Amino acid sequence: MITLLLVDDHELVRTGIRRILEDVNDFKVVGEVNNGELAVKFCRDSQPDVVLMDMNMPGIGGLEATKQILRFTDSTRIIVLSIHKENPIPGKVMEVGAFGYLTKDAEPQEMINAIRKVAVGQKYIAPEIAQQIAISRLSKNEDNPFEQLSNRELEITMMLTKGAKVPDIAAHLNISAKTVNTYRYRMFEKLDVSSDVELTHLAIRHKLIDSDQL
């Protein structure tokens, strides 16, 4: 039996996924949570076999939640479900230790196949995403300025574009506000922007976020 945790801040999404998985005889959904903090706590307490992790959520988000979960367990495997199809998001997710990456428009059977593979220790990336990651690593896509950001810088970028304030980011990431501002300053320099508004516009232009998420 493969035990599963569903992590998404939209109840409708969780309900749809749960209904698909409940029809699979050897799958058991053992929990549902709506943010990264609760995902970390659930995994620490229960250690499900596979986590289906949303990328964009209030709080620490899927990237940081994945990192925190993998700090204390290597038995739980994480598949990120995201609307993001283009690098650098998929590449960053795999770099921090996720075992799989699927887009939210994946067919139900592909999700089921991915869970089965990941549960036995095999990595699974949606074919079109895997191709983009490979091309990006070969060419070091200089057209996308976000490629040059570190994992932590990208994480803070995502939070800023969702309107999070520096003190809140600091609290969620367990770092000081001064450290957040230092990252923010470095990001602005690398991306050649001077405000959070410019950062958000740049993120939309390069499809890091969707304007309807704002």
N, C-alpha and C. Protein backbone atom coordinates (compact mmCIF):
# COMPACT_ATOMS: atom_id res chain seq x y z
N MET A 1 0.84 -1.19 0.00
CA MET A 1 0.00 0.00 0.00
C MET A 1 0.88 1.26 0.00
N ILE A 2 0.62 2.17 -0.93
CA ILE A 2 1.35 3.43 -1.01
C ILE A 2 0.53 4.51 -0.30
N THR A 3 1.09 5.08 0.76
CA THR A 3 0.39 6.13 1.50
C THR A 3 0.74 7.49 0.93
N LEU A 4 -0.27 8.36 0.86
CA LEU A 4 -0.11 9.65 0.18
C LEU A 4 -0.62 10.81 1.01
N LEU A 5 0.11 11.93 0.92
CA LEU A 5 -0.32 13.19 1.49
C LEU A 5 -0.57 14.17 0.35
N LEU A 6 -1.72 14.85 0.37
CA LEU A 6 -2.05 15.86 -0.64
C LEU A 6 -1.84 17.24 -0.04
N VAL A 7 -1.06 18.07 -0.73
CA VAL A 7 -0.76 19.42 -0.23
C VAL A 7 -1.13 20.43 -1.30
N ASP A 8 -2.19 21.19 -1.04
CA ASP A 8 -2.62 22.23 -1.99
C ASP A 8 -3.54 23.18 -1.23
N ASP A 9 -3.42 24.47 -1.52
CA ASP A 9 -4.25 25.42 -0.77
C ASP A 9 -5.65 25.57 -1.37
N HIS A 10 -5.95 24.83 -2.45
CA HIS A 10 -7.29 24.86 -3.03
C HIS A 10 -8.00 23.53 -2.73
N GLU A 11 -9.06 23.61 -1.97
CA GLU A 11 -9.78 22.40 -1.58
C GLU A 11 -10.33 21.66 -2.79
N LEU A 12 -10.76 22.41 -3.80
CA LEU A 12 -11.32 21.80 -5.00
C LEU A 12 -10.27 20.94 -5.70
N VAL A 13 -9.03 21.42 -5.74
CA VAL A 13 -7.94 20.65 -6.37
C VAL A 13 -7.68 19.38 -5.57
N ARG A 14 -7.59 19.50 -4.24
CA ARG A 14 -7.35 18.32 -3.41
C ARG A 14 -8.45 17.29 -3.58
N THR A 15 -9.69 17.77 -3.64
CA THR A 15 -10.84 16.86 -3.77
C THR A 15 -10.76 16.09 -5.09
N GLY A 16 -10.43 16.79 -6.17
CA GLY A 16 -10.31 16.14 -7.47
C GLY A 16 -9.23 15.10 -7.50
N ILE A 17 -8.07 15.43 -6.93
CA ILE A 17 -6.96 14.47 -6.91
C ILE A 17 -7.30 13.28 -6.03
N ARG A 18 -7.89 13.55 -4.86
CA ARG A 18 -8.24 12.46 -3.95
C ARG A 18 -9.20 11.47 -4.61
N ARG A 19 -10.17 11.97 -5.34
CA ARG A 19 -11.14 11.09 -6.00
C ARG A 19 -10.46 10.20 -7.03
N ILE A 20 -9.48 10.74 -7.73
CA ILE A 20 -8.73 9.93 -8.70
C ILE A 20 -7.96 8.83 -7.98
N LEU A 21 -7.27 9.20 -6.90
CA LEU A 21 -6.39 8.25 -6.21
C LEU A 21 -7.16 7.21 -5.41
N GLU A 22 -8.34 7.57 -4.93
CA GLU A 22 -9.12 6.62 -4.14
C GLU A 22 -9.59 5.42 -4.96
N ASP A 23 -9.60 5.58 -6.28
CA ASP A 23 -10.01 4.48 -7.15
C ASP A 23 -8.88 3.50 -7.44
N VAL A 24 -7.68 3.80 -6.94
CA VAL A 24 -6.53 2.92 -7.17
C VAL A 24 -6.36 2.03 -5.93
N ASN A 25 -6.42 0.73 -6.14
CA ASN A 25 -6.50 -0.22 -5.03
C ASN A 25 -5.35 -0.12 -4.03
N ASP A 26 -4.12 0.10 -4.53
CA ASP A 26 -2.97 0.08 -3.63
C ASP A 26 -2.53 1.48 -3.20
N PHE A 27 -3.39 2.51 -3.41
CA PHE A 27 -3.12 3.86 -2.94
C PHE A 27 -4.02 4.15 -1.74
N LYS A 28 -3.47 4.87 -0.76
CA LYS A 28 -4.27 5.30 0.38
C LYS A 28 -3.91 6.74 0.73
N VAL A 29 -4.86 7.64 0.57
CA VAL A 29 -4.65 9.04 0.96
C VAL A 29 -4.79 9.13 2.47
N VAL A 30 -3.69 9.43 3.15
CA VAL A 30 -3.69 9.44 4.61
C VAL A 30 -3.80 10.85 5.19
N GLY A 31 -3.73 11.86 4.33
CA GLY A 31 -3.84 13.22 4.84
C GLY A 31 -3.97 14.25 3.74
N GLU A 32 -4.54 15.39 4.11
CA GLU A 32 -4.64 16.56 3.23
C GLU A 32 -4.33 17.80 4.06
N VAL A 33 -3.49 18.68 3.53
CA VAL A 33 -3.20 19.95 4.20
C VAL A 33 -3.18 21.05 3.16
N ASN A 34 -3.30 22.30 3.63
CA ASN A 34 -3.42 23.40 2.68
C ASN A 34 -2.25 24.36 2.69
N ASN A 35 -1.14 24.00 3.35
CA ASN A 35 0.04 24.87 3.28
C ASN A 35 1.31 24.08 3.61
N GLY A 36 2.44 24.71 3.33
CA GLY A 36 3.72 24.04 3.50
C GLY A 36 4.07 23.71 4.93
N GLU A 37 3.72 24.61 5.86
CA GLU A 37 4.02 24.37 7.27
C GLU A 37 3.34 23.10 7.78
N LEU A 38 2.06 22.95 7.43
CA LEU A 38 1.32 21.76 7.87
C LEU A 38 1.85 20.50 7.18
N ALA A 39 2.33 20.66 5.95
CA ALA A 39 2.91 19.51 5.24
C ALA A 39 4.16 19.01 5.96
N VAL A 40 4.99 19.95 6.40
CA VAL A 40 6.21 19.58 7.12
C VAL A 40 5.85 18.86 8.42
N LYS A 41 4.89 19.41 9.16
CA LYS A 41 4.48 18.79 10.43
C LYS A 41 3.90 17.39 10.20
N PHE A 42 3.04 17.25 9.19
CA PHE A 42 2.43 15.95 8.92
C PHE A 42 3.50 14.92 8.57
N CYS A 43 4.45 15.31 7.74
CA CYS A 43 5.50 14.37 7.32
C CYS A 43 6.41 14.01 8.48
N ARG A 44 6.65 14.96 9.36
CA ARG A 44 7.48 14.66 10.53
C ARG A 44 6.80 13.64 11.43
N ASP A 45 5.47 13.76 11.55
CA ASP A 45 4.72 12.88 12.44
C ASP A 45 4.39 11.53 11.81
N SER A 46 4.09 11.52 10.51
CA SER A 46 3.52 10.32 9.90
C SER A 46 4.36 9.70 8.78
N GLN A 47 5.23 10.47 8.16
CA GLN A 47 6.11 9.99 7.09
C GLN A 47 5.37 9.17 6.03
N PRO A 48 4.48 9.81 5.26
CA PRO A 48 3.82 9.12 4.16
C PRO A 48 4.84 8.71 3.10
N ASP A 49 4.46 7.76 2.27
CA ASP A 49 5.38 7.30 1.22
C ASP A 49 5.62 8.39 0.17
N VAL A 50 4.54 9.04 -0.26
CA VAL A 50 4.62 10.03 -1.34
C VAL A 50 3.79 11.26 -0.96
N VAL A 51 4.36 12.43 -1.24
CA VAL A 51 3.66 13.70 -1.06
C VAL A 51 3.43 14.32 -2.43
N LEU A 52 2.18 14.70 -2.71
CA LEU A 52 1.87 15.49 -3.90
C LEU A 52 1.82 16.94 -3.45
N MET A 53 2.84 17.71 -3.84
CA MET A 53 3.08 19.03 -3.26
C MET A 53 2.82 20.15 -4.27
N ASP A 54 1.89 21.05 -3.90
CA ASP A 54 1.67 22.24 -4.71
C ASP A 54 2.88 23.17 -4.57
N MET A 55 3.16 23.94 -5.60
CA MET A 55 4.31 24.84 -5.57
C MET A 55 3.96 26.19 -4.92
N ASN A 56 2.86 26.77 -5.35
CA ASN A 56 2.51 28.12 -4.89
C ASN A 56 1.41 28.05 -3.83
N MET A 57 1.80 28.34 -2.59
CA MET A 57 0.85 28.33 -1.48
C MET A 57 1.19 29.46 -0.52
N PRO A 58 0.23 29.87 0.29
CA PRO A 58 0.56 30.83 1.35
C PRO A 58 1.62 30.25 2.28
N GLY A 59 2.40 31.11 2.89
CA GLY A 59 3.42 30.61 3.82
C GLY A 59 4.70 30.25 3.09
N ILE A 60 5.32 29.15 3.49
CA ILE A 60 6.66 28.85 2.99
C ILE A 60 6.65 28.32 1.56
N GLY A 61 5.53 27.84 1.05
CA GLY A 61 5.48 27.37 -0.32
C GLY A 61 6.08 25.99 -0.50
N GLY A 62 5.88 25.44 -1.70
CA GLY A 62 6.28 24.07 -1.96
C GLY A 62 7.77 23.82 -1.99
N LEU A 63 8.55 24.79 -2.48
CA LEU A 63 9.99 24.60 -2.58
C LEU A 63 10.63 24.46 -1.20
N GLU A 64 10.31 25.39 -0.31
CA GLU A 64 10.89 25.35 1.03
C GLU A 64 10.33 24.18 1.83
N ALA A 65 9.04 23.87 1.66
CA ALA A 65 8.46 22.72 2.36
C ALA A 65 9.16 21.43 1.95
N THR A 66 9.45 21.30 0.67
CA THR A 66 10.17 20.12 0.18
C THR A 66 11.53 20.01 0.84
N LYS A 67 12.25 21.12 0.89
CA LYS A 67 13.59 21.12 1.50
C LYS A 67 13.51 20.73 2.98
N GLN A 68 12.53 21.29 3.70
CA GLN A 68 12.43 21.00 5.13
C GLN A 68 12.07 19.55 5.39
N ILE A 69 11.16 19.01 4.60
CA ILE A 69 10.76 17.60 4.77
C ILE A 69 11.95 16.68 4.55
N LEU A 70 12.73 16.97 3.52
CA LEU A 70 13.84 16.08 3.17
C LEU A 70 15.03 16.21 4.12
N ARG A 71 15.01 17.21 5.00
CA ARG A 71 16.06 17.34 6.00
C ARG A 71 15.95 16.26 7.07
N PHE A 72 14.71 15.79 7.34
CA PHE A 72 14.55 14.83 8.44
C PHE A 72 14.08 13.45 7.98
N THR A 73 13.85 13.25 6.69
CA THR A 73 13.46 11.92 6.23
C THR A 73 13.93 11.68 4.81
N ASP A 74 14.36 10.47 4.55
CA ASP A 74 14.68 10.10 3.17
C ASP A 74 13.74 9.00 2.69
N SER A 75 12.72 8.71 3.50
CA SER A 75 11.76 7.67 3.11
C SER A 75 10.53 8.26 2.41
N THR A 76 10.28 9.54 2.63
CA THR A 76 9.16 10.21 1.97
C THR A 76 9.64 10.82 0.66
N ARG A 77 8.97 10.49 -0.42
CA ARG A 77 9.31 11.03 -1.73
C ARG A 77 8.29 12.09 -2.13
N ILE A 78 8.76 13.14 -2.76
CA ILE A 78 7.89 14.27 -3.07
C ILE A 78 7.76 14.46 -4.57
N ILE A 79 6.51 14.59 -5.02
CA ILE A 79 6.20 14.96 -6.40
C ILE A 79 5.57 16.35 -6.35
N VAL A 80 6.15 17.28 -7.06
CA VAL A 80 5.60 18.63 -7.11
C VAL A 80 4.58 18.72 -8.25
N LEU A 81 3.40 19.24 -7.93
CA LEU A 81 2.37 19.52 -8.93
C LEU A 81 2.30 21.03 -9.08
N SER A 82 2.49 21.52 -10.30
CA SER A 82 2.60 22.97 -10.48
C SER A 82 2.03 23.40 -11.82
N ILE A 83 1.67 24.67 -11.89
CA ILE A 83 1.27 25.24 -13.17
C ILE A 83 2.49 25.64 -14.01
N HIS A 84 3.67 25.67 -13.38
CA HIS A 84 4.88 26.14 -14.06
C HIS A 84 5.45 25.07 -14.97
N LYS A 85 5.58 25.39 -16.25
CA LYS A 85 6.11 24.44 -17.21
C LYS A 85 7.53 24.79 -17.65
N GLU A 86 7.96 26.00 -17.38
CA GLU A 86 9.25 26.45 -17.89
C GLU A 86 10.24 26.63 -16.74
N ASN A 87 11.51 26.40 -17.05
CA ASN A 87 12.55 26.66 -16.08
C ASN A 87 12.55 28.14 -15.73
N PRO A 88 13.04 28.51 -14.52
CA PRO A 88 13.89 27.69 -13.65
C PRO A 88 13.15 26.88 -12.58
N ILE A 89 11.82 27.04 -12.44
CA ILE A 89 11.11 26.37 -11.35
C ILE A 89 11.31 24.86 -11.36
N PRO A 90 11.03 24.14 -12.47
CA PRO A 90 11.18 22.68 -12.42
C PRO A 90 12.60 22.25 -12.05
N GLY A 91 13.60 22.91 -12.63
CA GLY A 91 14.97 22.55 -12.32
C GLY A 91 15.33 22.76 -10.86
N LYS A 92 14.87 23.86 -10.29
CA LYS A 92 15.14 24.15 -8.88
C LYS A 92 14.49 23.10 -7.98
N VAL A 93 13.27 22.71 -8.33
CA VAL A 93 12.55 21.72 -7.54
C VAL A 93 13.32 20.40 -7.48
N MET A 94 13.82 19.98 -8.63
CA MET A 94 14.55 18.72 -8.67
C MET A 94 15.88 18.85 -7.95
N GLU A 95 16.50 20.02 -8.02
CA GLU A 95 17.79 20.24 -7.35
C GLU A 95 17.68 20.09 -5.84
N VAL A 96 16.54 20.48 -5.25
CA VAL A 96 16.43 20.41 -3.79
C VAL A 96 16.03 19.02 -3.30
N GLY A 97 15.76 18.09 -4.25
CA GLY A 97 15.55 16.71 -3.82
C GLY A 97 14.19 16.10 -4.11
N ALA A 98 13.31 16.84 -4.81
CA ALA A 98 12.03 16.23 -5.19
C ALA A 98 12.29 15.05 -6.12
N PHE A 99 11.41 14.07 -6.07
CA PHE A 99 11.54 12.88 -6.92
C PHE A 99 10.73 12.99 -8.20
N GLY A 100 9.80 13.95 -8.25
CA GLY A 100 8.98 14.06 -9.43
C GLY A 100 8.45 15.46 -9.65
N TYR A 101 8.06 15.72 -10.89
CA TYR A 101 7.50 17.02 -11.25
C TYR A 101 6.44 16.81 -12.31
N LEU A 102 5.22 17.23 -12.01
CA LEU A 102 4.10 17.13 -12.95
C LEU A 102 3.42 18.49 -13.04
N THR A 103 2.88 18.78 -14.21
CA THR A 103 2.06 19.98 -14.34
C THR A 103 0.62 19.62 -13.99
N LYS A 104 -0.15 20.63 -13.59
CA LYS A 104 -1.50 20.37 -13.12
C LYS A 104 -2.47 19.97 -14.23
N ASP A 105 -2.01 20.06 -15.48
CA ASP A 105 -2.87 19.58 -16.56
C ASP A 105 -2.50 18.16 -17.00
N ALA A 106 -1.71 17.47 -16.18
CA ALA A 106 -1.34 16.08 -16.50
C ALA A 106 -2.58 15.19 -16.47
N GLU A 107 -2.55 14.15 -17.30
CA GLU A 107 -3.63 13.18 -17.30
C GLU A 107 -3.60 12.36 -16.00
N PRO A 108 -4.76 11.94 -15.51
CA PRO A 108 -4.79 11.14 -14.28
C PRO A 108 -3.87 9.91 -14.32
N GLN A 109 -3.82 9.23 -15.45
CA GLN A 109 -2.99 8.02 -15.53
C GLN A 109 -1.51 8.36 -15.42
N GLU A 110 -1.12 9.52 -15.95
CA GLU A 110 0.28 9.92 -15.81
C GLU A 110 0.61 10.17 -14.34
N MET A 111 -0.28 10.78 -13.60
CA MET A 111 -0.06 11.01 -12.17
C MET A 111 0.06 9.68 -11.43
N ILE A 112 -0.80 8.75 -11.75
CA ILE A 112 -0.76 7.43 -11.11
C ILE A 112 0.56 6.74 -11.42
N ASN A 113 0.99 6.79 -12.69
CA ASN A 113 2.26 6.17 -13.08
C ASN A 113 3.43 6.83 -12.35
N ALA A 114 3.39 8.16 -12.24
CA ALA A 114 4.46 8.89 -11.56
C ALA A 114 4.55 8.47 -10.10
N ILE A 115 3.41 8.35 -9.43
CA ILE A 115 3.40 7.95 -8.02
C ILE A 115 4.01 6.56 -7.86
N ARG A 116 3.64 5.64 -8.72
CA ARG A 116 4.17 4.28 -8.62
C ARG A 116 5.69 4.27 -8.79
N LYS A 117 6.19 5.03 -9.75
CA LYS A 117 7.64 5.07 -9.98
C LYS A 117 8.38 5.70 -8.81
N VAL A 118 7.86 6.84 -8.37
CA VAL A 118 8.53 7.55 -7.27
C VAL A 118 8.51 6.72 -5.99
N ALA A 119 7.44 6.00 -5.75
CA ALA A 119 7.32 5.20 -4.53
C ALA A 119 8.39 4.12 -4.44
N VAL A 120 8.90 3.67 -5.57
CA VAL A 120 9.96 2.64 -5.56
C VAL A 120 11.34 3.24 -5.81
N GLY A 121 11.44 4.57 -5.72
CA GLY A 121 12.74 5.22 -5.79
C GLY A 121 13.18 5.70 -7.15
N GLN A 122 12.27 5.69 -8.14
CA GLN A 122 12.61 6.19 -9.46
C GLN A 122 12.11 7.62 -9.61
N LYS A 123 12.87 8.44 -10.30
CA LYS A 123 12.43 9.82 -10.51
C LYS A 123 11.52 9.89 -11.73
N TYR A 124 10.56 10.83 -11.66
CA TYR A 124 9.65 11.00 -12.79
C TYR A 124 9.45 12.50 -13.03
N ILE A 125 9.74 12.92 -14.25
CA ILE A 125 9.48 14.29 -14.68
C ILE A 125 8.65 14.21 -15.95
N ALA A 126 7.60 15.00 -16.02
CA ALA A 126 6.79 15.04 -17.23
C ALA A 126 7.70 15.24 -18.43
N PRO A 127 7.51 14.48 -19.51
CA PRO A 127 8.45 14.49 -20.65
C PRO A 127 8.78 15.88 -21.19
N GLU A 128 7.76 16.73 -21.34
CA GLU A 128 8.04 18.06 -21.90
C GLU A 128 8.86 18.91 -20.93
N ILE A 129 8.68 18.67 -19.63
CA ILE A 129 9.46 19.40 -18.63
C ILE A 129 10.89 18.89 -18.61
N ALA A 130 11.06 17.59 -18.69
CA ALA A 130 12.40 16.99 -18.69
C ALA A 130 13.22 17.52 -19.86
N GLN A 131 12.57 17.67 -21.00
CA GLN A 131 13.27 18.18 -22.18
C GLN A 131 13.73 19.62 -21.96
N GLN A 132 12.86 20.43 -21.37
CA GLN A 132 13.22 21.82 -21.11
C GLN A 132 14.38 21.92 -20.12
N ILE A 133 14.34 21.09 -19.07
CA ILE A 133 15.44 21.11 -18.09
C ILE A 133 16.75 20.73 -18.76
N ALA A 134 16.71 19.70 -19.59
CA ALA A 134 17.93 19.25 -20.27
C ALA A 134 18.48 20.34 -21.18
N ILE A 135 17.60 20.96 -21.95
CA ILE A 135 18.04 22.02 -22.86
C ILE A 135 18.61 23.20 -22.08
N SER A 136 17.92 23.54 -20.99
CA SER A 136 18.37 24.67 -20.18
C SER A 136 19.75 24.42 -19.59
N ARG A 137 19.98 23.20 -19.12
CA ARG A 137 21.28 22.89 -18.51
C ARG A 137 22.40 22.89 -19.54
N LEU A 138 22.05 22.53 -20.77
CA LEU A 138 23.07 22.54 -21.82
C LEU A 138 23.37 23.95 -22.30
N SER A 139 22.31 24.75 -22.41
CA SER A 139 22.50 26.07 -23.00
C SER A 139 22.66 27.19 -21.98
N LYS A 140 22.37 26.86 -20.69
CA LYS A 140 22.39 27.88 -19.64
C LYS A 140 21.59 29.10 -20.10
N ASN A 141 20.31 28.88 -20.28
CA ASN A 141 19.39 29.84 -20.89
C ASN A 141 19.58 31.25 -20.34
N GLU A 142 20.31 32.05 -21.08
CA GLU A 142 20.60 33.40 -20.65
C GLU A 142 19.44 34.35 -20.92
N ASP A 143 18.43 33.89 -21.66
CA ASP A 143 17.28 34.75 -21.94
C ASP A 143 16.38 34.87 -20.71
N ASN A 144 16.50 33.94 -19.78
CA ASN A 144 15.68 33.98 -18.57
C ASN A 144 16.55 34.43 -17.40
N PRO A 145 16.40 35.67 -16.94
CA PRO A 145 17.28 36.17 -15.88
C PRO A 145 17.14 35.44 -14.56
N PHE A 146 16.01 34.77 -14.35
CA PHE A 146 15.79 34.06 -13.08
C PHE A 146 16.65 32.81 -12.95
N GLU A 147 17.25 32.38 -14.07
CA GLU A 147 18.13 31.21 -14.03
C GLU A 147 19.33 31.44 -13.11
N GLN A 148 19.74 32.70 -12.98
CA GLN A 148 20.95 33.00 -12.21
C GLN A 148 20.71 33.07 -10.70
N LEU A 149 19.45 32.99 -10.27
CA LEU A 149 19.15 33.07 -8.85
C LEU A 149 19.42 31.75 -8.15
N SER A 150 19.83 31.84 -6.90
CA SER A 150 19.98 30.64 -6.07
C SER A 150 18.60 30.15 -5.66
N ASN A 151 18.54 28.94 -5.09
CA ASN A 151 17.25 28.41 -4.63
C ASN A 151 16.58 29.35 -3.64
N ARG A 152 17.34 29.85 -2.68
CA ARG A 152 16.76 30.73 -1.66
C ARG A 152 16.32 32.06 -2.28
N GLU A 153 17.11 32.59 -3.21
CA GLU A 153 16.72 33.84 -3.88
C GLU A 153 15.43 33.64 -4.68
N LEU A 154 15.32 32.51 -5.36
CA LEU A 154 14.12 32.24 -6.14
C LEU A 154 12.91 32.08 -5.22
N GLU A 155 13.13 31.45 -4.10
CA GLU A 155 12.06 31.25 -3.13
C GLU A 155 11.54 32.59 -2.60
N ILE A 156 12.45 33.48 -2.26
CA ILE A 156 12.07 34.80 -1.76
C ILE A 156 11.41 35.61 -2.88
N THR A 157 11.90 35.45 -4.09
CA THR A 157 11.26 36.10 -5.24
C THR A 157 9.80 35.71 -5.34
N MET A 158 9.53 34.40 -5.24
CA MET A 158 8.15 33.92 -5.34
C MET A 158 7.27 34.51 -4.25
N MET A 159 7.81 34.63 -3.06
CA MET A 159 7.03 35.17 -1.94
C MET A 159 6.78 36.67 -2.13
N LEU A 160 7.78 37.39 -2.60
CA LEU A 160 7.61 38.82 -2.83
C LEU A 160 6.57 39.09 -3.91
N THR A 161 6.60 38.29 -4.96
CA THR A 161 5.64 38.50 -6.05
C THR A 161 4.21 38.17 -5.63
N LYS A 162 4.06 37.42 -4.53
CA LYS A 162 2.73 37.13 -4.00
C LYS A 162 2.30 38.17 -2.95
N GLY A 163 3.14 39.21 -2.77
CA GLY A 163 2.78 40.29 -1.87
C GLY A 163 3.24 40.12 -0.44
N ALA A 164 4.05 39.11 -0.16
CA ALA A 164 4.54 38.90 1.21
C ALA A 164 5.48 40.02 1.62
N LYS A 165 5.39 40.44 2.87
CA LYS A 165 6.26 41.49 3.40
C LYS A 165 7.52 40.87 3.99
N VAL A 166 8.57 41.66 4.06
CA VAL A 166 9.87 41.17 4.54
C VAL A 166 9.77 40.51 5.92
N PRO A 167 9.11 41.12 6.91
CA PRO A 167 9.04 40.46 8.23
C PRO A 167 8.34 39.10 8.16
N ASP A 168 7.30 39.00 7.32
CA ASP A 168 6.60 37.73 7.19
C ASP A 168 7.48 36.67 6.53
N ILE A 169 8.22 37.08 5.51
CA ILE A 169 9.14 36.15 4.85
C ILE A 169 10.19 35.67 5.84
N ALA A 170 10.72 36.59 6.61
CA ALA A 170 11.74 36.24 7.60
C ALA A 170 11.19 35.22 8.60
N ALA A 171 9.97 35.45 9.07
CA ALA A 171 9.37 34.53 10.04
C ALA A 171 9.14 33.15 9.44
N HIS A 172 8.66 33.10 8.21
CA HIS A 172 8.37 31.83 7.56
C HIS A 172 9.64 31.03 7.29
N LEU A 173 10.72 31.73 6.95
CA LEU A 173 11.96 31.05 6.59
C LEU A 173 12.93 30.91 7.78
N ASN A 174 12.51 31.42 8.93
CA ASN A 174 13.36 31.36 10.13
C ASN A 174 14.72 32.03 9.93
N ILE A 175 14.68 33.17 9.28
CA ILE A 175 15.90 33.98 9.11
C ILE A 175 15.54 35.41 9.53
N SER A 176 16.53 36.27 9.67
CA SER A 176 16.25 37.64 10.10
C SER A 176 15.75 38.48 8.93
N ALA A 177 15.05 39.55 9.26
CA ALA A 177 14.59 40.49 8.23
C ALA A 177 15.78 41.10 7.50
N LYS A 178 16.87 41.30 8.21
CA LYS A 178 18.07 41.85 7.58
C LYS A 178 18.59 40.89 6.51
N THR A 179 18.56 39.59 6.81
CA THR A 179 19.02 38.61 5.84
C THR A 179 18.11 38.59 4.61
N VAL A 180 16.80 38.68 4.84
CA VAL A 180 15.87 38.74 3.71
C VAL A 180 16.16 39.95 2.84
N ASN A 181 16.41 41.08 3.47
CA ASN A 181 16.71 42.30 2.70
C ASN A 181 18.02 42.18 1.93
N THR A 182 18.97 41.45 2.52
CA THR A 182 20.24 41.22 1.81
C THR A 182 20.00 40.39 0.55
N TYR A 183 19.21 39.32 0.68
CA TYR A 183 18.84 38.51 -0.50
C TYR A 183 18.10 39.36 -1.52
N ARG A 184 17.18 40.17 -1.02
CA ARG A 184 16.37 41.01 -1.89
C ARG A 184 17.25 41.98 -2.69
N TYR A 185 18.22 42.58 -2.01
CA TYR A 185 19.13 43.50 -2.68
C TYR A 185 19.93 42.78 -3.77
N ARG A 186 20.42 41.57 -3.45
CA ARG A 186 21.18 40.80 -4.44
C ARG A 186 20.31 40.43 -5.64
N MET A 187 19.06 40.03 -5.37
CA MET A 187 18.14 39.68 -6.44
C MET A 187 17.90 40.87 -7.35
N PHE A 188 17.65 42.02 -6.75
CA PHE A 188 17.39 43.22 -7.54
C PHE A 188 18.58 43.54 -8.44
N GLU A 189 19.78 43.38 -7.90
CA GLU A 189 20.99 43.63 -8.70
C GLU A 189 21.09 42.66 -9.87
N LYS A 190 20.89 41.38 -9.57
CA LYS A 190 21.01 40.36 -10.62
C LYS A 190 19.96 40.55 -11.71
N LEU A 191 18.77 40.94 -11.30
CA LEU A 191 17.65 41.04 -12.24
C LEU A 191 17.48 42.43 -12.83
N ASP A 192 18.28 43.38 -12.34
CA ASP A 192 18.23 44.77 -12.81
C ASP A 192 16.84 45.37 -12.63
N VAL A 193 16.29 45.20 -11.43
CA VAL A 193 15.03 45.83 -11.06
C VAL A 193 15.25 46.65 -9.80
N SER A 194 14.31 47.56 -9.51
CA SER A 194 14.51 48.44 -8.36
C SER A 194 13.34 48.41 -7.37
N SER A 195 12.34 47.56 -7.63
CA SER A 195 11.20 47.52 -6.72
C SER A 195 10.51 46.16 -6.84
N ASP A 196 9.66 45.87 -5.85
CA ASP A 196 8.89 44.63 -5.89
C ASP A 196 7.93 44.62 -7.07
N VAL A 197 7.42 45.79 -7.44
CA VAL A 197 6.51 45.88 -8.58
C VAL A 197 7.25 45.50 -9.87
N GLU A 198 8.45 46.03 -10.06
CA GLU A 198 9.24 45.68 -11.24
C GLU A 198 9.59 44.19 -11.23
N LEU A 199 9.89 43.68 -10.05
CA LEU A 199 10.19 42.25 -9.92
C LEU A 199 8.99 41.41 -10.36
N THR A 200 7.81 41.79 -9.93
CA THR A 200 6.60 41.06 -10.29
C THR A 200 6.35 41.12 -11.80
N HIS A 201 6.51 42.28 -12.39
CA HIS A 201 6.31 42.41 -13.84
C HIS A 201 7.31 41.54 -14.60
N LEU A 202 8.54 41.49 -14.13
CA LEU A 202 9.56 40.67 -14.77
C LEU A 202 9.21 39.19 -14.65
N ALA A 203 8.71 38.81 -13.46
CA ALA A 203 8.33 37.41 -13.24
C ALA A 203 7.18 37.00 -14.15
N ILE A 204 6.23 37.90 -14.37
CA ILE A 204 5.12 37.62 -15.28
C ILE A 204 5.63 37.49 -16.72
N ARG A 205 6.52 38.38 -17.09
CA ARG A 205 7.05 38.39 -18.47
C ARG A 205 7.76 37.09 -18.80
N HIS A 206 8.45 36.53 -17.80
CA HIS A 206 9.21 35.30 -18.04
C HIS A 206 8.47 34.05 -17.57
N LYS A 207 7.14 34.22 -17.31
CA LYS A 207 6.25 33.10 -16.99
C LYS A 207 6.63 32.39 -15.69
N LEU A 208 7.29 33.11 -14.79
CA LEU A 208 7.57 32.55 -13.48
C LEU A 208 6.29 32.50 -12.66
N ILE A 209 5.44 33.49 -12.86
CA ILE A 209 4.11 33.50 -12.24
C ILE A 209 3.11 33.89 -13.31
N ASP A 210 1.85 33.62 -13.02
CA ASP A 210 0.76 33.98 -13.92
C ASP A 210 0.06 35.19 -13.34
N SER A 211 -0.30 36.14 -14.18
CA SER A 211 -0.92 37.37 -13.69
C SER A 211 -2.23 37.10 -12.98
N ASP A 212 -2.93 35.99 -13.31
CA ASP A 212 -4.21 35.73 -12.64
C ASP A 212 -4.02 35.15 -11.24
N GLN A 213 -2.73 34.91 -10.84
CA GLN A 213 -2.47 34.48 -9.47
C GLN A 213 -2.40 35.66 -8.51
N LEU A 214 -2.32 36.88 -9.06
CA LEU A 214 -2.06 38.05 -8.21
C LEU A 214 -3.37 38.63 -7.68
